[in-house]
Amino acid sequence: MTVIERGSARLALAPEVGGAIASFTIGDRHVLRPMAAGATDALASACFPLVPFCNRIPNGRFTFEGREVVLPPNLGTHPHPLHGQGWRNAWTVEKAEGGEALLSYEHAADAWPWAYRAEQRFAVGETGLRLELSVTNTGPDAMPAGLGFHPYFPARDAETLTATNDGVWMIDEDVLPTVRHAGVWGPDWAKGASVAGHDLIDHCYTGWDQRAALRAPGQPDTTITASPECRWLHVYVPPDQGFLCVEPCASRPNPFGAGETGMVTLQPGESRSIWMEVAKA
C-alpha cells in the first residue's frame, strides 16, 4: 500500500491491484468506497483506470486499419473483454511524496498488438483529489486508444445524482450498447434524481458536460469534474449493493462499433491524456 496525504485528506493506492485507489478519505469521511482488506481484484477497489479502452468489446473482436484483433476474456467466463489491460496488471510506483504520486504501467504487445506506456498522476488537496491518466504509443505502428476512470462511491441515504446529458445508450443482456435513446430514460439525472429504487443501471450517457454532483441530506456534496475529452458518463448502480459508480469516459462502450465512439488513433510516440477531480463541496 502506498499512501500520500495533505491536511486531513488521505489517499491510499494499491499499485499491485491494477493501479487502483484503495481509499480516499477527508477527515473521517470516505469520499470513495474503501477497498476491503486483502482484496486482490480492482473491481473491489475505490477507483481504477480504464486504458486503453472503456467498457466492453463484443467477443473481443475488432478490426483496426486492416488488422484483425481478438482479445481474450478478462472477467471470468464473461465473453466480452472490458476496460483494457491496465486494471488487470500491476503498476510501478515512480513517485509518492508531498501529496503527489505517479504510477506507471508498461504494456508489451500481445493479444492487444500494440505496445504502450500508461501513467497515472495523483494530487491530493485538502478538499479533493485530482487524477490524470495518460497513454503513450511506444510501438512502431498506429494504435487505437480510449481512456476513462472507474470511481466507486458509497451509496448514502436519500442520495441523488445530478449530471447533464442528452441521451443514453440502451443495453442488451450482455450489457452491450444497442441503440441510443435521445432524451430522458429512467432517472432524470439532468434534474437530479435518486440513485436508489431502480433496477440495474449500467448505462452510458451522452452529451455530458463534464460536471456531476452527488448529494445526500445533511452531508457534504461530492462533486465530479473531468476534462473536455470525457464526453460520456457511465453510471453503474447495482440495486442494494451499497455503492454506485459515476465514470467519466473519453470513449463509449463497444469502442470499435459504428458511429462516433471517442477512440483516437495514436501514431508512434503520440500520447493522450484525461483528468478527473473528485472533491468535497
Protein backbone atom coordinates (compact mmCIF):
# COMPACT_ATOMS: atom_id res chain seq x y z
CA MET A 1 0.00 0.00 0.00
CA THR A 2 1.24 3.46 -0.94
CA VAL A 3 -0.14 6.45 0.99
CA ILE A 4 0.01 10.19 0.32
CA GLU A 5 -1.58 12.90 2.44
CA ARG A 6 -2.29 16.60 2.62
CA GLY A 7 -4.01 18.13 5.61
CA SER A 8 -6.84 15.82 6.63
CA ALA A 9 -7.03 14.25 3.15
CA ARG A 10 -5.50 10.80 2.76
CA LEU A 11 -5.11 8.72 -0.42
CA ALA A 12 -4.12 5.05 -0.30
CA LEU A 13 -3.04 3.35 -3.52
CA ALA A 14 -2.85 -0.33 -4.41
CA PRO A 15 -0.49 -0.31 -7.41
CA GLU A 16 -0.27 -4.10 -7.43
CA VAL A 17 -4.07 -4.32 -7.91
CA GLY A 18 -4.46 -2.77 -11.33
CA GLY A 19 -3.03 0.58 -10.29
CA ALA A 20 -6.16 1.10 -8.20
CA ILE A 21 -7.06 3.51 -5.43
CA ALA A 22 -7.66 1.64 -2.18
CA SER A 23 -9.28 4.56 -0.35
CA PHE A 24 -9.65 8.32 -0.33
CA THR A 25 -10.75 9.99 2.89
CA ILE A 26 -11.14 13.56 4.08
CA GLY A 27 -11.18 13.54 7.85
CA ASP A 28 -13.36 10.63 8.86
CA ARG A 29 -15.40 10.62 5.63
CA HIS A 30 -14.87 8.03 2.89
CA VAL A 31 -15.28 10.08 -0.30
CA LEU A 32 -14.73 6.90 -2.33
CA ARG A 33 -15.83 3.40 -1.37
CA PRO A 34 -12.92 1.80 0.51
CA MET A 35 -11.36 -1.39 -0.78
CA ALA A 36 -11.79 -4.37 1.53
CA ALA A 37 -8.66 -5.54 3.34
CA GLY A 38 -6.90 -8.26 1.37
CA ALA A 39 -8.79 -7.61 -1.87
CA THR A 40 -6.87 -8.61 -4.99
CA ASP A 41 -9.31 -7.53 -7.72
CA ALA A 42 -9.66 -3.95 -8.95
CA LEU A 43 -13.44 -4.48 -9.01
CA ALA A 44 -13.29 -4.31 -5.22
CA SER A 45 -11.30 -1.08 -5.19
CA ALA A 46 -12.21 2.58 -4.72
CA CYS A 47 -11.27 3.53 -8.30
CA PHE A 48 -9.29 2.04 -11.18
CA PRO A 49 -8.07 3.24 -14.61
CA LEU A 50 -9.62 2.33 -17.96
CA VAL A 51 -6.82 2.06 -20.51
CA PRO A 52 -6.55 1.78 -23.47
CA PHE A 53 -10.32 1.42 -23.95
CA CYS A 54 -13.52 1.71 -21.91
CA ASN A 55 -16.12 -0.93 -21.23
CA ARG A 56 -16.84 -3.96 -23.43
CA ILE A 57 -15.66 -5.06 -26.87
CA PRO A 58 -18.17 -7.62 -28.24
CA ASN A 59 -16.46 -11.02 -28.08
CA GLY A 60 -13.12 -9.17 -28.09
CA ARG A 61 -13.17 -8.91 -31.89
CA PHE A 62 -12.47 -5.80 -33.93
CA THR A 63 -10.56 -4.57 -36.97
CA PHE A 64 -8.24 -1.58 -36.91
CA GLU A 65 -6.51 -0.30 -40.06
CA GLY A 66 -6.91 -3.70 -41.70
CA ARG A 67 -5.61 -5.69 -38.75
CA GLU A 68 -7.99 -8.18 -37.17
CA VAL A 69 -7.67 -8.43 -33.40
CA VAL A 70 -9.16 -10.94 -30.97
CA LEU A 71 -8.80 -10.26 -27.25
CA PRO A 72 -9.32 -12.96 -24.61
CA PRO A 73 -11.94 -12.57 -21.86
CA ASN A 74 -10.71 -10.77 -18.75
CA LEU A 75 -13.72 -11.15 -16.45
CA GLY A 76 -14.12 -14.85 -15.75
CA THR A 77 -16.37 -16.53 -18.30
CA HIS A 78 -17.91 -13.26 -19.48
CA PRO A 79 -17.21 -13.33 -23.24
CA HIS A 80 -16.70 -9.60 -23.80
CA PRO A 81 -13.34 -8.24 -22.57
CA LEU A 82 -13.59 -4.85 -20.95
CA HIS A 83 -11.64 -1.82 -19.71
CA GLY A 84 -8.31 -2.68 -21.36
CA GLN A 85 -5.24 -4.19 -19.73
CA GLY A 86 -4.29 -1.62 -17.09
CA TRP A 87 -6.81 -2.74 -14.48
CA ARG A 88 -5.65 -6.36 -14.73
CA ASN A 89 -1.93 -5.74 -14.18
CA ALA A 90 0.38 -4.36 -11.52
CA TRP A 91 1.66 -0.78 -11.81
CA THR A 92 5.01 0.66 -10.71
CA VAL A 93 5.30 3.45 -8.14
CA GLU A 94 7.52 6.12 -9.71
CA LYS A 95 6.89 8.76 -7.05
CA ALA A 96 4.90 9.15 -3.82
CA GLU A 97 5.66 12.24 -1.76
CA GLY A 98 4.42 15.71 -0.93
CA GLY A 99 0.79 14.87 -1.58
CA GLU A 100 1.53 13.61 -5.09
CA ALA A 101 2.10 10.21 -6.67
CA LEU A 102 2.95 8.81 -10.10
CA LEU A 103 2.23 5.23 -11.17
CA SER A 104 3.20 3.67 -14.48
CA TYR A 105 2.36 0.56 -16.46
CA GLU A 106 4.31 -0.73 -19.46
CA HIS A 107 2.40 -2.93 -21.88
CA ALA A 108 4.26 -5.20 -24.30
CA ALA A 109 2.42 -6.16 -27.47
CA ASP A 110 0.44 -9.38 -27.05
CA ALA A 111 -3.20 -10.13 -27.90
CA TRP A 112 -3.52 -6.34 -27.82
CA PRO A 113 -0.87 -6.00 -30.53
CA TRP A 114 0.44 -2.53 -29.61
CA ALA A 115 3.00 -1.57 -27.01
CA TYR A 116 2.18 1.40 -24.80
CA ARG A 117 3.04 3.16 -21.56
CA ALA A 118 0.27 4.33 -19.25
CA GLU A 119 0.72 6.75 -16.37
CA GLN A 120 -1.48 7.90 -13.51
CA ARG A 121 -0.73 11.10 -11.63
CA PHE A 122 -2.45 11.78 -8.32
CA ALA A 123 -2.54 15.08 -6.46
CA VAL A 124 -4.24 15.31 -3.06
CA GLY A 125 -5.70 18.62 -1.88
CA GLU A 126 -7.32 19.39 1.44
CA THR A 127 -10.80 19.13 -0.09
CA GLY A 128 -10.31 16.83 -3.04
CA LEU A 129 -8.29 14.67 -5.37
CA ARG A 130 -7.08 15.17 -8.94
CA LEU A 131 -6.25 12.20 -11.18
CA GLU A 132 -4.57 12.37 -14.58
CA LEU A 133 -4.43 9.31 -16.84
CA SER A 134 -2.32 9.16 -19.98
CA VAL A 135 -1.30 6.61 -22.58
CA THR A 136 1.64 6.81 -24.99
CA ASN A 137 2.08 4.61 -28.04
CA THR A 138 5.56 3.12 -27.63
CA GLY A 139 5.32 0.73 -30.58
CA PRO A 140 6.12 1.10 -34.29
CA ASP A 141 2.52 1.14 -35.59
CA ALA A 142 -0.53 3.36 -35.15
CA MET A 143 -2.62 2.35 -32.13
CA PRO A 144 -6.24 2.99 -31.15
CA ALA A 145 -6.77 4.50 -27.71
CA GLY A 146 -9.54 5.45 -25.31
CA LEU A 147 -9.37 6.36 -21.63
CA GLY A 148 -11.65 6.58 -18.61
CA PHE A 149 -11.97 6.46 -14.85
CA HIS A 150 -13.97 3.96 -12.78
CA PRO A 151 -14.58 5.51 -9.33
CA TYR A 152 -16.86 3.86 -6.76
CA PHE A 153 -18.83 5.98 -4.30
CA PRO A 154 -20.56 4.86 -1.09
CA ALA A 155 -24.34 4.99 -1.52
CA ARG A 156 -25.68 7.36 1.14
CA ASP A 157 -29.26 7.59 2.39
CA ALA A 158 -31.54 9.58 0.06
CA GLU A 159 -28.63 10.32 -2.28
CA THR A 160 -29.23 12.00 -5.63
CA LEU A 161 -27.09 12.30 -8.75
CA THR A 162 -27.16 15.41 -10.92
CA ALA A 163 -25.48 15.18 -14.34
CA THR A 164 -26.43 16.91 -17.59
CA ASN A 165 -26.98 14.58 -20.55
CA ASP A 166 -28.93 14.43 -23.81
CA GLY A 167 -29.46 10.70 -24.14
CA VAL A 168 -28.48 7.20 -23.12
CA TRP A 169 -27.30 4.02 -24.79
CA MET A 170 -29.70 1.15 -24.19
CA ILE A 171 -28.13 -2.24 -23.42
CA ASP A 172 -28.80 -5.90 -24.10
CA GLU A 173 -28.49 -8.84 -21.70
CA ASP A 174 -24.69 -8.77 -22.05
CA VAL A 175 -24.57 -5.05 -21.14
CA LEU A 176 -23.58 -4.12 -24.68
CA PRO A 177 -24.97 -0.91 -26.19
CA THR A 178 -27.73 -1.40 -28.72
CA VAL A 179 -29.38 1.88 -29.70
CA ARG A 180 -29.09 5.41 -28.40
CA HIS A 181 -32.25 6.77 -26.79
CA ALA A 182 -32.45 10.55 -27.10
CA GLY A 183 -33.67 12.45 -24.07
CA VAL A 184 -34.67 11.13 -20.66
CA TRP A 185 -34.88 7.42 -19.95
CA GLY A 186 -35.37 6.25 -16.39
CA PRO A 187 -33.91 8.59 -13.74
CA ASP A 188 -33.69 12.18 -14.94
CA TRP A 189 -30.11 12.84 -13.89
CA ALA A 190 -30.13 16.26 -15.55
CA LYS A 191 -32.66 17.46 -12.98
CA GLY A 192 -31.20 15.43 -10.13
CA ALA A 193 -32.65 12.03 -9.31
CA SER A 194 -32.45 9.45 -6.56
CA VAL A 195 -29.86 6.75 -7.14
CA ALA A 196 -31.89 4.19 -5.18
CA GLY A 197 -35.09 2.40 -6.05
CA HIS A 198 -34.26 1.32 -9.61
CA ASP A 199 -33.50 -1.89 -11.42
CA LEU A 200 -29.88 -2.30 -12.51
CA ILE A 201 -28.46 0.83 -14.11
CA ASP A 202 -25.35 0.13 -16.20
CA HIS A 203 -25.65 2.72 -18.94
CA CYS A 204 -23.57 5.20 -20.89
CA TYR A 205 -24.99 8.73 -21.11
CA THR A 206 -24.21 11.12 -23.96
CA GLY A 207 -23.94 14.89 -24.05
CA TRP A 208 -22.32 15.10 -20.63
CA ASP A 209 -20.83 18.50 -19.72
CA GLN A 210 -18.03 17.09 -17.52
CA ARG A 211 -19.73 18.01 -14.23
CA ALA A 212 -21.70 15.83 -11.82
CA ALA A 213 -22.74 16.02 -8.18
CA LEU A 214 -23.78 13.50 -5.56
CA ARG A 215 -25.92 14.97 -2.78
CA ALA A 216 -27.22 13.49 0.46
CA PRO A 217 -29.24 15.33 3.12
CA GLY A 218 -27.14 16.75 5.94
CA GLN A 219 -23.83 15.74 4.33
CA PRO A 220 -21.27 17.47 2.08
CA ASP A 221 -21.78 17.13 -1.66
CA THR A 222 -19.36 15.08 -3.70
CA THR A 223 -18.51 16.76 -7.00
CA ILE A 224 -17.01 15.04 -10.04
CA THR A 225 -15.46 17.10 -12.82
CA ALA A 226 -13.46 15.94 -15.81
CA SER A 227 -11.51 17.12 -18.84
CA PRO A 228 -13.38 18.09 -22.05
CA GLU A 229 -12.42 14.81 -23.72
CA CYS A 230 -14.71 12.95 -21.30
CA ARG A 231 -17.90 13.39 -23.29
CA TRP A 232 -19.53 10.20 -22.00
CA LEU A 233 -20.65 9.44 -18.46
CA HIS A 234 -21.17 5.82 -17.49
CA VAL A 235 -23.43 5.29 -14.48
CA TYR A 236 -23.47 1.95 -12.70
CA VAL A 237 -25.92 1.42 -9.85
CA PRO A 238 -26.42 -2.21 -8.80
CA PRO A 239 -29.52 -2.46 -6.59
CA ASP A 240 -28.93 -2.76 -2.86
CA GLN A 241 -25.14 -3.12 -3.09
CA GLY A 242 -24.24 -0.02 -1.09
CA PHE A 243 -22.27 1.73 -3.82
CA LEU A 244 -22.57 3.39 -7.21
CA CYS A 245 -20.16 4.35 -9.97
CA VAL A 246 -20.07 7.66 -11.85
CA GLU A 247 -17.45 7.15 -14.56
CA PRO A 248 -16.05 9.93 -16.78
CA CYS A 249 -15.02 8.38 -20.10
CA ALA A 250 -13.39 9.64 -23.27
CA SER A 251 -14.80 6.73 -25.25
CA ARG A 252 -18.04 4.77 -25.07
CA PRO A 253 -18.85 1.05 -24.73
CA ASN A 254 -18.27 -1.02 -27.89
CA PRO A 255 -15.45 1.37 -28.77
CA PHE A 256 -14.94 -0.11 -32.25
CA GLY A 257 -18.64 -0.06 -33.11
CA ALA A 258 -20.43 2.16 -35.58
CA GLY A 259 -20.61 5.93 -35.19
CA GLU A 260 -18.60 8.29 -33.02
CA THR A 261 -17.10 6.29 -30.17
CA GLY A 262 -14.37 8.63 -28.94
CA MET A 263 -11.49 6.34 -29.85
CA VAL A 264 -8.47 8.17 -31.28
CA THR A 265 -5.50 6.97 -33.29
CA LEU A 266 -2.07 7.47 -31.75
CA GLN A 267 0.92 7.43 -34.06
CA PRO A 268 4.20 6.07 -32.67
CA GLY A 269 5.31 8.32 -29.83
CA GLU A 270 1.99 10.16 -29.54
CA SER A 271 0.08 10.45 -26.25
CA ARG A 272 -3.41 11.13 -25.00
CA SER A 273 -4.44 12.20 -21.52
CA ILE A 274 -7.56 12.98 -19.48
CA TRP A 275 -8.18 14.15 -15.93
CA MET A 276 -10.83 13.87 -13.23
CA GLU A 277 -11.32 15.72 -9.95
CA VAL A 278 -13.34 14.36 -7.03
CA ALA A 279 -13.99 16.86 -4.27
CA LYS A 280 -15.99 17.53 -1.15
CA ALA A 281 -18.16 20.61 -1.70
